N, C-alpha and C. Protein backbone atom coordinates (compact mmCIF):
# COMPACT_ATOMS: atom_id res chain seq x y z
N MET A 1 -19.85 2.20 16.26
CA MET A 1 -18.52 1.74 16.67
C MET A 1 -18.70 0.58 17.65
N GLY A 2 -17.90 -0.47 17.48
CA GLY A 2 -18.01 -1.63 18.34
C GLY A 2 -17.16 -1.50 19.58
N GLN A 3 -16.90 -2.64 20.20
CA GLN A 3 -16.11 -2.68 21.41
C GLN A 3 -14.63 -2.47 21.08
N ALA A 4 -13.83 -2.20 22.13
CA ALA A 4 -12.40 -1.98 21.94
C ALA A 4 -11.62 -2.76 22.98
N ASN A 5 -10.59 -3.45 22.53
CA ASN A 5 -9.64 -4.13 23.41
C ASN A 5 -8.26 -3.55 23.16
N GLN A 6 -7.36 -3.74 24.12
CA GLN A 6 -6.00 -3.27 23.96
C GLN A 6 -5.06 -4.45 23.97
N ALA A 7 -4.19 -4.53 22.95
CA ALA A 7 -3.22 -5.62 22.86
C ALA A 7 -1.92 -5.08 22.29
N LYS A 8 -0.82 -5.38 23.00
CA LYS A 8 0.51 -4.96 22.57
C LYS A 8 0.56 -3.46 22.28
N GLY A 9 -0.08 -2.68 23.16
CA GLY A 9 -0.03 -1.23 23.02
C GLY A 9 -0.99 -0.67 22.00
N ARG A 10 -1.76 -1.50 21.31
CA ARG A 10 -2.71 -1.02 20.32
C ARG A 10 -4.13 -1.21 20.83
N ILE A 11 -4.96 -0.25 20.54
CA ILE A 11 -6.38 -0.39 20.83
C ILE A 11 -7.04 -1.02 19.61
N ILE A 12 -7.61 -2.20 19.80
CA ILE A 12 -8.26 -2.93 18.71
C ILE A 12 -9.76 -2.77 18.86
N HIS A 13 -10.39 -2.20 17.86
CA HIS A 13 -11.82 -1.98 17.87
C HIS A 13 -12.51 -3.16 17.21
N ARG A 14 -13.48 -3.76 17.91
CA ARG A 14 -14.15 -4.95 17.45
C ARG A 14 -15.53 -4.62 16.90
N ASP A 15 -16.07 -5.58 16.12
CA ASP A 15 -17.43 -5.48 15.60
C ASP A 15 -17.67 -4.14 14.91
N HIS A 16 -16.69 -3.72 14.14
CA HIS A 16 -16.77 -2.44 13.43
C HIS A 16 -17.43 -2.65 12.07
N ARG A 17 -18.45 -1.86 11.79
CA ARG A 17 -19.14 -1.94 10.50
C ARG A 17 -18.59 -0.87 9.57
N TYR A 18 -18.24 -1.28 8.37
CA TYR A 18 -17.69 -0.35 7.40
C TYR A 18 -17.96 -0.88 5.99
N ALA A 19 -17.64 -0.08 5.00
CA ALA A 19 -17.88 -0.47 3.61
C ALA A 19 -16.61 -0.24 2.80
N ILE A 20 -16.33 -1.18 1.90
CA ILE A 20 -15.27 -1.03 0.90
C ILE A 20 -15.92 -1.23 -0.45
N THR A 21 -15.93 -0.19 -1.27
CA THR A 21 -16.61 -0.26 -2.56
C THR A 21 -15.76 0.33 -3.66
N PRO A 22 -15.86 -0.20 -4.88
CA PRO A 22 -15.19 0.43 -6.01
C PRO A 22 -15.87 1.75 -6.33
N ALA A 23 -15.11 2.69 -6.85
CA ALA A 23 -15.65 4.00 -7.23
C ALA A 23 -15.39 4.22 -8.71
N PRO A 24 -16.34 4.80 -9.41
CA PRO A 24 -16.16 5.02 -10.85
C PRO A 24 -15.14 6.11 -11.13
N VAL A 25 -14.38 5.91 -12.19
CA VAL A 25 -13.43 6.92 -12.65
C VAL A 25 -13.66 7.15 -14.14
N ASP A 26 -14.12 8.34 -14.49
CA ASP A 26 -14.25 8.71 -15.90
C ASP A 26 -12.89 9.17 -16.39
N ALA A 27 -12.21 8.31 -17.14
CA ALA A 27 -10.82 8.56 -17.51
C ALA A 27 -10.65 9.87 -18.27
N GLU A 28 -11.61 10.18 -19.12
CA GLU A 28 -11.48 11.40 -19.93
C GLU A 28 -11.45 12.65 -19.06
N SER A 29 -12.42 12.79 -18.16
CA SER A 29 -12.45 13.98 -17.30
C SER A 29 -11.32 13.94 -16.28
N PHE A 30 -10.96 12.74 -15.82
CA PHE A 30 -9.87 12.59 -14.86
C PHE A 30 -8.56 13.09 -15.45
N GLU A 31 -8.26 12.70 -16.67
CA GLU A 31 -6.99 13.08 -17.29
C GLU A 31 -7.01 14.51 -17.81
N ARG A 32 -8.19 15.00 -18.17
CA ARG A 32 -8.29 16.37 -18.68
C ARG A 32 -8.14 17.39 -17.56
N ASP A 33 -8.75 17.10 -16.39
CA ASP A 33 -8.73 18.05 -15.28
C ASP A 33 -8.67 17.27 -13.97
N LEU A 34 -7.49 16.79 -13.63
CA LEU A 34 -7.33 15.96 -12.44
C LEU A 34 -7.75 16.71 -11.18
N ARG A 35 -7.33 17.94 -11.07
CA ARG A 35 -7.66 18.71 -9.87
C ARG A 35 -9.17 18.91 -9.74
N GLY A 36 -9.80 19.23 -10.85
CA GLY A 36 -11.25 19.40 -10.84
C GLY A 36 -11.97 18.11 -10.48
N TRP A 37 -11.47 16.97 -10.99
CA TRP A 37 -12.07 15.68 -10.69
C TRP A 37 -11.96 15.38 -9.19
N LEU A 38 -10.80 15.63 -8.61
CA LEU A 38 -10.61 15.40 -7.18
C LEU A 38 -11.50 16.31 -6.35
N MET A 39 -11.64 17.56 -6.79
CA MET A 39 -12.47 18.50 -6.06
C MET A 39 -13.93 18.07 -6.09
N LYS A 40 -14.36 17.50 -7.22
CA LYS A 40 -15.73 17.01 -7.32
C LYS A 40 -15.97 15.88 -6.32
N GLN A 41 -14.98 15.00 -6.16
CA GLN A 41 -15.11 13.92 -5.18
C GLN A 41 -15.14 14.49 -3.76
N ALA A 42 -14.31 15.49 -3.51
CA ALA A 42 -14.24 16.09 -2.18
C ALA A 42 -15.55 16.79 -1.82
N ASP A 43 -16.28 17.28 -2.84
CA ASP A 43 -17.56 17.93 -2.58
C ASP A 43 -18.58 16.95 -2.01
N ASN A 44 -18.39 15.65 -2.31
CA ASN A 44 -19.38 14.65 -1.92
C ASN A 44 -18.92 13.73 -0.78
N LEU A 45 -17.72 13.97 -0.27
CA LEU A 45 -17.18 13.12 0.78
C LEU A 45 -16.60 13.97 1.91
N PRO A 46 -16.66 13.49 3.16
CA PRO A 46 -16.09 14.25 4.28
C PRO A 46 -14.57 14.07 4.36
N VAL A 47 -13.85 14.63 3.38
CA VAL A 47 -12.39 14.50 3.34
C VAL A 47 -11.74 15.85 3.63
N THR A 48 -10.53 15.79 4.12
CA THR A 48 -9.81 17.01 4.50
C THR A 48 -8.45 17.14 3.83
N THR A 49 -7.87 16.00 3.38
CA THR A 49 -6.46 15.99 3.00
C THR A 49 -6.24 15.15 1.76
N LEU A 50 -5.27 15.55 0.94
CA LEU A 50 -4.84 14.80 -0.23
C LEU A 50 -3.37 14.44 -0.07
N LEU A 51 -3.05 13.18 -0.39
CA LEU A 51 -1.65 12.76 -0.51
C LEU A 51 -1.50 12.08 -1.87
N ALA A 52 -0.69 12.67 -2.74
CA ALA A 52 -0.50 12.14 -4.09
C ALA A 52 0.97 11.80 -4.29
N HIS A 53 1.23 10.59 -4.79
CA HIS A 53 2.58 10.20 -5.19
C HIS A 53 2.65 10.26 -6.71
N THR A 54 3.65 10.97 -7.20
CA THR A 54 3.81 11.15 -8.63
C THR A 54 5.23 10.78 -9.04
N ASP A 55 5.45 10.72 -10.34
CA ASP A 55 6.81 10.47 -10.83
C ASP A 55 7.77 11.57 -10.41
N ASP A 56 7.23 12.75 -10.10
CA ASP A 56 8.06 13.90 -9.76
C ASP A 56 8.24 14.11 -8.26
N GLY A 57 7.50 13.35 -7.45
CA GLY A 57 7.62 13.53 -6.00
C GLY A 57 6.27 13.44 -5.31
N VAL A 58 6.24 13.88 -4.05
CA VAL A 58 5.05 13.80 -3.21
C VAL A 58 4.37 15.16 -3.18
N ILE A 59 3.05 15.16 -3.38
CA ILE A 59 2.25 16.38 -3.34
C ILE A 59 1.17 16.22 -2.27
N TRP A 60 1.16 17.16 -1.31
CA TRP A 60 0.12 17.20 -0.30
C TRP A 60 -0.93 18.23 -0.71
N GLY A 61 -2.15 18.03 -0.23
CA GLY A 61 -3.20 18.99 -0.48
C GLY A 61 -4.13 19.09 0.70
N ALA A 62 -4.92 20.16 0.74
CA ALA A 62 -5.89 20.36 1.81
C ALA A 62 -7.17 20.91 1.21
N VAL A 63 -8.31 20.39 1.65
CA VAL A 63 -9.61 20.89 1.23
C VAL A 63 -9.99 22.03 2.16
N VAL A 64 -10.02 23.25 1.61
CA VAL A 64 -10.25 24.44 2.42
C VAL A 64 -11.31 25.30 1.73
N ASN A 65 -12.40 25.56 2.45
CA ASN A 65 -13.47 26.42 1.94
C ASN A 65 -13.94 26.01 0.55
N GLY A 66 -14.10 24.71 0.38
CA GLY A 66 -14.61 24.21 -0.89
C GLY A 66 -13.62 24.16 -2.02
N GLN A 67 -12.36 24.42 -1.73
CA GLN A 67 -11.30 24.39 -2.75
C GLN A 67 -10.21 23.41 -2.35
N LEU A 68 -9.51 22.87 -3.34
CA LEU A 68 -8.39 21.98 -3.08
C LEU A 68 -7.09 22.76 -3.24
N ALA A 69 -6.48 23.11 -2.11
CA ALA A 69 -5.19 23.80 -2.12
C ALA A 69 -4.08 22.76 -2.17
N LEU A 70 -3.05 23.01 -2.97
CA LEU A 70 -1.96 22.06 -3.17
C LEU A 70 -0.63 22.65 -2.71
N SER A 71 0.26 21.75 -2.27
CA SER A 71 1.59 22.20 -1.84
C SER A 71 2.34 22.87 -2.98
N GLY A 72 2.09 22.44 -4.21
CA GLY A 72 2.75 23.06 -5.36
C GLY A 72 2.27 24.47 -5.64
N ASP A 73 1.06 24.83 -5.16
CA ASP A 73 0.60 26.21 -5.30
C ASP A 73 1.44 27.13 -4.43
N ALA A 74 1.74 26.65 -3.21
CA ALA A 74 2.50 27.47 -2.26
C ALA A 74 3.98 27.54 -2.62
N PHE A 75 4.53 26.41 -3.14
CA PHE A 75 5.96 26.35 -3.46
C PHE A 75 6.16 25.81 -4.88
N PRO A 76 5.76 26.59 -5.89
CA PRO A 76 5.87 26.10 -7.28
C PRO A 76 7.31 25.92 -7.74
N GLU A 77 8.24 26.63 -7.09
CA GLU A 77 9.65 26.48 -7.47
C GLU A 77 10.22 25.14 -7.03
N MET A 78 9.53 24.47 -6.10
CA MET A 78 10.02 23.22 -5.55
C MET A 78 9.22 22.02 -6.06
N LEU A 79 7.93 22.23 -6.28
CA LEU A 79 7.04 21.12 -6.61
C LEU A 79 6.38 21.31 -7.96
N PRO A 80 6.23 20.24 -8.73
CA PRO A 80 5.57 20.31 -10.02
C PRO A 80 4.05 20.37 -9.87
N PRO A 81 3.33 20.73 -10.91
CA PRO A 81 1.87 20.70 -10.84
C PRO A 81 1.36 19.26 -10.76
N LEU A 82 0.15 19.11 -10.26
CA LEU A 82 -0.48 17.80 -10.16
C LEU A 82 -1.07 17.45 -11.53
N ARG A 83 -0.57 16.36 -12.14
CA ARG A 83 -1.01 15.96 -13.47
C ARG A 83 -1.30 14.47 -13.50
N ALA A 84 -2.33 14.09 -14.24
CA ALA A 84 -2.66 12.67 -14.38
C ALA A 84 -1.54 11.92 -15.07
N LYS A 85 -0.83 12.58 -15.97
CA LYS A 85 0.22 11.92 -16.74
C LYS A 85 1.32 11.35 -15.85
N THR A 86 1.62 12.03 -14.75
CA THR A 86 2.70 11.59 -13.87
C THR A 86 2.21 10.99 -12.55
N LEU A 87 0.89 10.93 -12.37
CA LEU A 87 0.34 10.43 -11.12
C LEU A 87 0.51 8.91 -11.00
N GLN A 88 0.97 8.46 -9.84
CA GLN A 88 1.04 7.03 -9.53
C GLN A 88 -0.19 6.61 -8.72
N GLN A 89 -0.45 7.33 -7.64
CA GLN A 89 -1.67 7.09 -6.86
C GLN A 89 -1.98 8.34 -6.04
N ALA A 90 -3.24 8.47 -5.66
CA ALA A 90 -3.67 9.60 -4.84
C ALA A 90 -4.65 9.10 -3.80
N ARG A 91 -4.60 9.72 -2.62
CA ARG A 91 -5.52 9.39 -1.53
C ARG A 91 -6.16 10.67 -1.02
N LEU A 92 -7.49 10.74 -1.14
CA LEU A 92 -8.27 11.78 -0.50
C LEU A 92 -8.83 11.18 0.78
N PHE A 93 -8.55 11.79 1.92
CA PHE A 93 -8.93 11.12 3.16
C PHE A 93 -9.35 12.11 4.24
N GLY A 94 -10.01 11.55 5.26
CA GLY A 94 -10.43 12.28 6.43
C GLY A 94 -10.73 11.28 7.54
N PRO A 95 -11.24 11.73 8.67
CA PRO A 95 -11.48 10.82 9.80
C PRO A 95 -12.44 9.68 9.48
N GLN A 96 -13.36 9.86 8.53
CA GLN A 96 -14.38 8.84 8.28
C GLN A 96 -14.19 8.03 7.00
N VAL A 97 -13.53 8.60 6.00
CA VAL A 97 -13.45 7.92 4.69
C VAL A 97 -12.09 8.14 4.05
N GLU A 98 -11.80 7.27 3.07
CA GLU A 98 -10.66 7.48 2.18
C GLU A 98 -11.02 7.01 0.78
N LEU A 99 -10.70 7.83 -0.22
CA LEU A 99 -10.82 7.46 -1.62
C LEU A 99 -9.41 7.28 -2.17
N LEU A 100 -9.11 6.07 -2.63
CA LEU A 100 -7.81 5.76 -3.21
C LEU A 100 -7.96 5.63 -4.72
N ILE A 101 -7.08 6.30 -5.48
CA ILE A 101 -7.07 6.22 -6.93
C ILE A 101 -5.71 5.74 -7.39
N TRP A 102 -5.67 4.78 -8.29
CA TRP A 102 -4.39 4.27 -8.80
C TRP A 102 -4.56 3.77 -10.23
N ARG A 103 -3.44 3.60 -10.90
CA ARG A 103 -3.44 3.05 -12.25
C ARG A 103 -3.08 1.57 -12.17
N ASP A 104 -3.91 0.71 -12.76
CA ASP A 104 -3.66 -0.73 -12.65
C ASP A 104 -2.63 -1.19 -13.68
N GLY A 105 -2.36 -2.50 -13.71
CA GLY A 105 -1.34 -3.05 -14.60
C GLY A 105 -1.63 -2.87 -16.07
N ASP A 106 -2.90 -2.62 -16.42
CA ASP A 106 -3.28 -2.38 -17.82
C ASP A 106 -3.31 -0.90 -18.16
N GLY A 107 -2.88 -0.07 -17.20
CA GLY A 107 -2.85 1.37 -17.46
C GLY A 107 -4.18 2.06 -17.27
N GLN A 108 -5.18 1.35 -16.69
CA GLN A 108 -6.50 1.93 -16.47
C GLN A 108 -6.61 2.48 -15.05
N TRP A 109 -7.35 3.58 -14.91
CA TRP A 109 -7.53 4.18 -13.59
C TRP A 109 -8.59 3.42 -12.80
N GLN A 110 -8.27 3.12 -11.55
CA GLN A 110 -9.17 2.44 -10.65
C GLN A 110 -9.30 3.27 -9.37
N ALA A 111 -10.41 3.06 -8.66
CA ALA A 111 -10.61 3.77 -7.39
C ALA A 111 -11.43 2.90 -6.45
N ARG A 112 -11.15 3.03 -5.15
CA ARG A 112 -11.95 2.35 -4.14
C ARG A 112 -12.16 3.28 -2.95
N LEU A 113 -13.34 3.13 -2.35
CA LEU A 113 -13.72 3.95 -1.21
C LEU A 113 -13.84 3.07 0.03
N ILE A 114 -13.18 3.48 1.12
CA ILE A 114 -13.41 2.88 2.44
C ILE A 114 -14.20 3.89 3.26
N ASP A 115 -15.33 3.45 3.79
CA ASP A 115 -16.24 4.34 4.51
C ASP A 115 -16.54 3.76 5.90
N ASP A 116 -16.14 4.48 6.92
CA ASP A 116 -16.35 4.04 8.30
C ASP A 116 -17.70 4.45 8.87
N ARG A 117 -18.55 5.03 8.07
CA ARG A 117 -19.85 5.47 8.57
C ARG A 117 -20.88 4.35 8.61
N GLY A 118 -20.46 3.14 8.25
CA GLY A 118 -21.36 2.00 8.27
C GLY A 118 -21.24 1.21 6.99
N GLY A 119 -21.75 -0.02 7.01
CA GLY A 119 -21.69 -0.84 5.80
C GLY A 119 -21.95 -2.29 6.11
N ASP A 120 -21.71 -3.13 5.10
CA ASP A 120 -22.04 -4.55 5.22
C ASP A 120 -20.87 -5.41 5.69
N ARG A 121 -19.71 -4.80 5.89
CA ARG A 121 -18.56 -5.56 6.39
C ARG A 121 -18.46 -5.37 7.90
N VAL A 122 -18.11 -6.46 8.61
CA VAL A 122 -17.93 -6.41 10.05
C VAL A 122 -16.57 -6.99 10.38
N GLY A 123 -15.77 -6.26 11.12
CA GLY A 123 -14.45 -6.76 11.46
C GLY A 123 -13.83 -5.95 12.58
N TYR A 124 -12.51 -5.96 12.60
CA TYR A 124 -11.74 -5.25 13.61
C TYR A 124 -10.91 -4.17 12.90
N TYR A 125 -10.48 -3.18 13.67
CA TYR A 125 -9.47 -2.27 13.14
C TYR A 125 -8.60 -1.76 14.28
N PHE A 126 -7.40 -1.33 13.91
CA PHE A 126 -6.53 -0.63 14.85
C PHE A 126 -5.81 0.47 14.09
N ASP A 127 -5.43 1.52 14.82
CA ASP A 127 -4.75 2.66 14.23
C ASP A 127 -3.27 2.64 14.60
N GLU A 128 -2.45 3.03 13.63
CA GLU A 128 -1.01 3.18 13.84
C GLU A 128 -0.63 4.63 13.62
N GLU A 129 0.29 5.13 14.42
CA GLU A 129 0.82 6.48 14.24
C GLU A 129 2.21 6.38 13.64
N GLN A 130 2.35 6.83 12.41
CA GLN A 130 3.63 6.76 11.72
C GLN A 130 4.36 8.09 11.83
N LEU A 131 5.59 8.02 12.34
CA LEU A 131 6.44 9.20 12.45
C LEU A 131 6.86 9.65 11.05
N GLN A 132 6.73 10.94 10.77
CA GLN A 132 7.13 11.50 9.49
C GLN A 132 8.42 12.30 9.65
N TRP A 133 9.29 12.21 8.65
CA TRP A 133 10.56 12.92 8.80
C TRP A 133 10.37 14.42 8.66
N GLY A 134 11.34 15.15 9.20
CA GLY A 134 11.29 16.61 9.26
C GLY A 134 11.51 17.08 10.67
N ASP A 135 12.66 17.75 10.93
CA ASP A 135 12.93 18.23 12.29
C ASP A 135 13.03 19.75 12.39
N HIS A 136 12.81 20.46 11.27
CA HIS A 136 12.73 21.92 11.35
C HIS A 136 11.97 22.46 10.14
N ALA A 137 11.42 23.65 10.33
CA ALA A 137 10.69 24.33 9.26
C ALA A 137 11.59 25.34 8.57
N GLU A 138 11.45 25.44 7.25
CA GLU A 138 12.23 26.40 6.48
C GLU A 138 11.41 27.61 6.05
N ASP A 139 10.14 27.38 5.72
CA ASP A 139 9.33 28.48 5.20
C ASP A 139 7.86 28.08 5.28
N GLU A 140 6.98 29.06 5.29
CA GLU A 140 5.54 28.81 5.29
C GLU A 140 4.86 29.77 4.32
N LYS A 141 3.93 29.22 3.53
CA LYS A 141 3.14 30.04 2.62
C LYS A 141 1.74 29.44 2.50
N ASN A 142 0.74 30.28 2.66
CA ASN A 142 -0.66 29.89 2.39
C ASN A 142 -1.09 28.64 3.14
N GLY A 143 -0.64 28.51 4.39
CA GLY A 143 -1.04 27.37 5.20
C GLY A 143 -0.24 26.10 4.97
N PHE A 144 0.77 26.15 4.13
CA PHE A 144 1.66 25.02 3.89
C PHE A 144 3.06 25.37 4.41
N THR A 145 3.72 24.37 5.00
CA THR A 145 5.05 24.59 5.55
C THR A 145 6.05 23.64 4.90
N ARG A 146 7.18 24.21 4.47
CA ARG A 146 8.27 23.40 3.94
C ARG A 146 9.13 22.96 5.10
N VAL A 147 9.22 21.64 5.31
CA VAL A 147 9.99 21.09 6.41
C VAL A 147 11.19 20.31 5.84
N ALA A 148 12.23 20.21 6.65
CA ALA A 148 13.45 19.54 6.22
C ALA A 148 13.99 18.69 7.35
N GLU A 149 14.87 17.78 7.00
CA GLU A 149 15.46 16.83 7.95
C GLU A 149 16.95 17.06 8.05
N GLY A 150 17.43 17.56 9.21
CA GLY A 150 18.85 17.71 9.48
C GLY A 150 19.57 18.44 8.36
N GLN A 151 20.76 17.94 8.05
CA GLN A 151 21.57 18.50 6.97
C GLN A 151 21.50 17.66 5.72
N GLN A 152 20.56 16.71 5.68
CA GLN A 152 20.53 15.75 4.59
C GLN A 152 19.86 16.28 3.33
N GLY A 153 19.18 17.42 3.46
CA GLY A 153 18.53 17.99 2.29
C GLY A 153 17.19 17.38 1.95
N LEU A 154 16.64 16.51 2.82
CA LEU A 154 15.32 15.93 2.58
C LEU A 154 14.26 16.97 2.92
N ARG A 155 13.35 17.21 2.00
CA ARG A 155 12.33 18.23 2.19
C ARG A 155 10.99 17.75 1.67
N HIS A 156 9.92 18.19 2.32
CA HIS A 156 8.59 18.08 1.75
C HIS A 156 7.73 19.19 2.31
N VAL A 157 6.59 19.42 1.67
CA VAL A 157 5.72 20.53 2.02
C VAL A 157 4.41 19.96 2.51
N VAL A 158 4.04 20.28 3.75
CA VAL A 158 2.86 19.68 4.38
C VAL A 158 1.78 20.74 4.60
N PRO A 159 0.51 20.33 4.63
CA PRO A 159 -0.60 21.28 4.80
C PRO A 159 -0.87 21.61 6.26
N LEU A 160 0.18 22.10 6.95
CA LEU A 160 0.08 22.53 8.34
C LEU A 160 0.84 23.84 8.49
N THR A 161 0.42 24.67 9.45
CA THR A 161 1.11 25.93 9.65
C THR A 161 2.41 25.71 10.42
N ARG A 162 3.29 26.65 10.31
CA ARG A 162 4.56 26.57 11.02
C ARG A 162 4.35 26.56 12.52
N ALA A 163 3.38 27.34 13.01
CA ALA A 163 3.11 27.41 14.45
C ALA A 163 2.62 26.07 14.98
N ALA A 164 1.86 25.34 14.18
CA ALA A 164 1.32 24.07 14.63
C ALA A 164 2.39 23.01 14.79
N LEU A 165 3.51 23.16 14.10
CA LEU A 165 4.51 22.10 14.08
C LEU A 165 5.39 22.07 15.32
N ASP A 166 5.59 23.20 16.01
CA ASP A 166 6.29 23.22 17.29
C ASP A 166 7.65 22.52 17.23
N PHE A 167 8.46 22.90 16.22
CA PHE A 167 9.84 22.42 16.17
C PHE A 167 10.67 23.15 17.23
N ASP A 168 11.88 22.65 17.46
CA ASP A 168 12.81 23.39 18.30
C ASP A 168 13.15 24.71 17.62
N PRO A 169 13.48 25.76 18.40
CA PRO A 169 13.85 27.05 17.80
C PRO A 169 15.08 26.90 16.90
N PRO A 170 15.20 27.75 15.86
CA PRO A 170 16.37 27.70 14.99
C PRO A 170 17.66 27.78 15.78
N GLY A 171 18.61 26.93 15.43
CA GLY A 171 19.90 26.92 16.11
C GLY A 171 19.89 26.19 17.44
N GLN A 172 18.73 25.67 17.87
CA GLN A 172 18.63 24.97 19.15
C GLN A 172 17.98 23.60 18.97
N LEU A 173 18.44 22.88 17.97
CA LEU A 173 17.84 21.57 17.67
C LEU A 173 18.41 20.51 18.62
N ARG A 174 18.11 20.68 19.90
CA ARG A 174 18.68 19.77 20.90
C ARG A 174 18.00 18.41 20.87
N GLU A 175 16.69 18.43 20.74
CA GLU A 175 15.94 17.18 20.87
C GLU A 175 15.71 16.49 19.53
N ARG A 176 15.92 17.23 18.42
CA ARG A 176 15.60 16.70 17.10
C ARG A 176 14.16 16.22 17.07
N ARG A 177 13.27 17.09 17.46
CA ARG A 177 11.86 16.73 17.51
C ARG A 177 11.33 16.42 16.11
N HIS A 178 10.49 15.42 16.04
CA HIS A 178 9.79 15.06 14.81
C HIS A 178 8.30 15.04 15.12
N PRO A 179 7.65 16.19 15.12
CA PRO A 179 6.25 16.25 15.54
C PRO A 179 5.25 15.73 14.51
N LEU A 180 5.65 15.61 13.25
CA LEU A 180 4.70 15.18 12.22
C LEU A 180 4.30 13.73 12.39
N ARG A 181 2.99 13.48 12.34
CA ARG A 181 2.45 12.14 12.47
C ARG A 181 1.41 11.88 11.37
N LEU A 182 1.37 10.65 10.92
CA LEU A 182 0.35 10.22 9.97
C LEU A 182 -0.37 9.02 10.59
N ARG A 183 -1.68 9.15 10.77
CA ARG A 183 -2.47 8.06 11.34
C ARG A 183 -2.94 7.13 10.21
N VAL A 184 -2.63 5.84 10.36
CA VAL A 184 -3.00 4.82 9.39
C VAL A 184 -3.93 3.82 10.06
N ARG A 185 -5.04 3.51 9.44
CA ARG A 185 -6.00 2.55 9.99
C ARG A 185 -5.89 1.22 9.25
N GLN A 186 -5.73 0.15 10.01
CA GLN A 186 -5.63 -1.20 9.45
C GLN A 186 -6.91 -1.97 9.78
N TYR A 187 -7.50 -2.57 8.75
CA TYR A 187 -8.75 -3.32 8.91
C TYR A 187 -8.44 -4.81 8.93
N VAL A 188 -8.94 -5.49 9.97
CA VAL A 188 -8.61 -6.89 10.21
C VAL A 188 -9.90 -7.71 10.15
N GLU A 189 -9.84 -8.84 9.43
CA GLU A 189 -10.98 -9.75 9.35
C GLU A 189 -10.47 -11.18 9.52
N GLU A 190 -11.39 -12.08 9.82
CA GLU A 190 -11.04 -13.49 9.92
C GLU A 190 -11.03 -14.13 8.54
N ASP A 191 -9.98 -14.94 8.26
CA ASP A 191 -9.95 -15.67 7.00
C ASP A 191 -10.71 -16.99 7.16
N GLU A 192 -10.62 -17.85 6.12
CA GLU A 192 -11.39 -19.10 6.14
C GLU A 192 -10.92 -20.06 7.23
N ASP A 193 -9.70 -19.84 7.76
CA ASP A 193 -9.19 -20.69 8.83
C ASP A 193 -9.40 -20.08 10.22
N GLY A 194 -10.09 -18.94 10.27
CA GLY A 194 -10.34 -18.29 11.55
C GLY A 194 -9.19 -17.43 12.04
N LEU A 195 -8.19 -17.21 11.19
CA LEU A 195 -7.05 -16.36 11.56
C LEU A 195 -7.34 -14.91 11.22
N LEU A 196 -6.85 -14.00 12.06
CA LEU A 196 -7.04 -12.59 11.81
C LEU A 196 -5.97 -12.08 10.85
N VAL A 197 -6.40 -11.45 9.76
CA VAL A 197 -5.47 -10.92 8.76
C VAL A 197 -5.88 -9.50 8.42
N VAL A 198 -4.88 -8.67 8.10
CA VAL A 198 -5.15 -7.30 7.66
C VAL A 198 -5.62 -7.34 6.22
N ARG A 199 -6.81 -6.84 5.98
CA ARG A 199 -7.40 -6.87 4.64
C ARG A 199 -7.14 -5.58 3.87
N GLN A 200 -7.22 -4.47 4.55
CA GLN A 200 -7.07 -3.17 3.91
C GLN A 200 -6.44 -2.19 4.89
N GLY A 201 -5.93 -1.10 4.36
CA GLY A 201 -5.44 -0.01 5.19
C GLY A 201 -5.78 1.31 4.53
N ARG A 202 -5.91 2.34 5.35
CA ARG A 202 -6.19 3.66 4.78
C ARG A 202 -5.58 4.74 5.65
N LEU A 203 -5.43 5.93 5.09
CA LEU A 203 -4.97 7.09 5.83
C LEU A 203 -6.16 7.76 6.51
N VAL A 204 -5.89 8.32 7.69
CA VAL A 204 -6.95 8.95 8.48
C VAL A 204 -6.66 10.42 8.72
N GLU A 205 -5.42 10.74 9.12
CA GLU A 205 -5.14 12.11 9.57
C GLU A 205 -3.65 12.39 9.54
N LEU A 206 -3.29 13.59 9.13
CA LEU A 206 -1.94 14.13 9.29
C LEU A 206 -2.01 15.22 10.34
N TRP A 207 -1.12 15.16 11.34
CA TRP A 207 -1.15 16.17 12.38
C TRP A 207 0.24 16.32 12.99
N ALA A 208 0.38 17.31 13.87
CA ALA A 208 1.62 17.56 14.58
C ALA A 208 1.43 17.25 16.06
N GLU A 209 2.26 16.37 16.57
CA GLU A 209 2.20 15.99 17.99
C GLU A 209 2.71 17.13 18.85
N ALA A 210 1.96 17.45 19.90
CA ALA A 210 2.36 18.51 20.81
C ALA A 210 3.54 18.08 21.67
N ARG A 211 4.35 19.02 22.07
CA ARG A 211 5.49 18.72 22.93
C ARG A 211 5.02 18.22 24.28
N ALA A 212 5.66 17.15 24.79
CA ALA A 212 5.21 16.56 26.05
C ALA A 212 6.34 16.44 27.07
N GLY A 213 7.30 17.32 27.00
CA GLY A 213 8.34 17.36 28.01
C GLY A 213 9.57 16.53 27.69
N GLY A 214 9.53 15.76 26.61
CA GLY A 214 10.69 14.97 26.23
C GLY A 214 10.77 14.87 24.74
N ASN A 215 11.79 14.15 24.23
CA ASN A 215 11.88 14.02 22.79
C ASN A 215 10.97 12.91 22.32
N ASP A 216 10.83 12.76 21.00
CA ASP A 216 9.90 11.80 20.45
C ASP A 216 10.61 10.65 19.78
N ASN A 217 11.86 10.47 20.11
CA ASN A 217 12.65 9.45 19.41
C ASN A 217 12.81 8.18 20.22
N GLY A 218 12.17 8.12 21.41
CA GLY A 218 12.34 6.96 22.25
C GLY A 218 11.41 5.83 21.87
């Protein structure tokens, strides 16, 4: 890890070595058994979390004891199964790496790996904390919690326990706390004119912010 400076409230890490490489995708095995293909990748990478966008909605997953648990396993009545046919993109990620899989304009599956454990690229990075919607929990099953936003009916199922989320008690939503956070890492390099530009971004961590004596909407 290189040096770190702080600018406009962000800690910018300098002289960071990392790697961005394409990853092979065997389309036949990927489409035949998407979950198995993802689990095989997780066996070889230090990843903890899956975020998949599909035609049917958002599916979260967690790598637990060598298995890939999915939000649809816990709440099948709400979420469809994970299928290559409806997949738009998927991200397997953890503190050190992210594997991104997507379908290109020709309908072919592509993948790229960002690895912070070292590499031939040298640049800067900074992390952003993105607030995720959801101000109360409705139910929890198998380590996944169904969260909702106000009376709007917006719901998703995240791979965190209800206790970890620390929402306001039922019927006492005074602060409208939104404890869910998603950490996004932006990689910055100099272009040919010497200007700093964001080249890539990846997901790092999903977590719940602890209560700190005030609301989180300021």
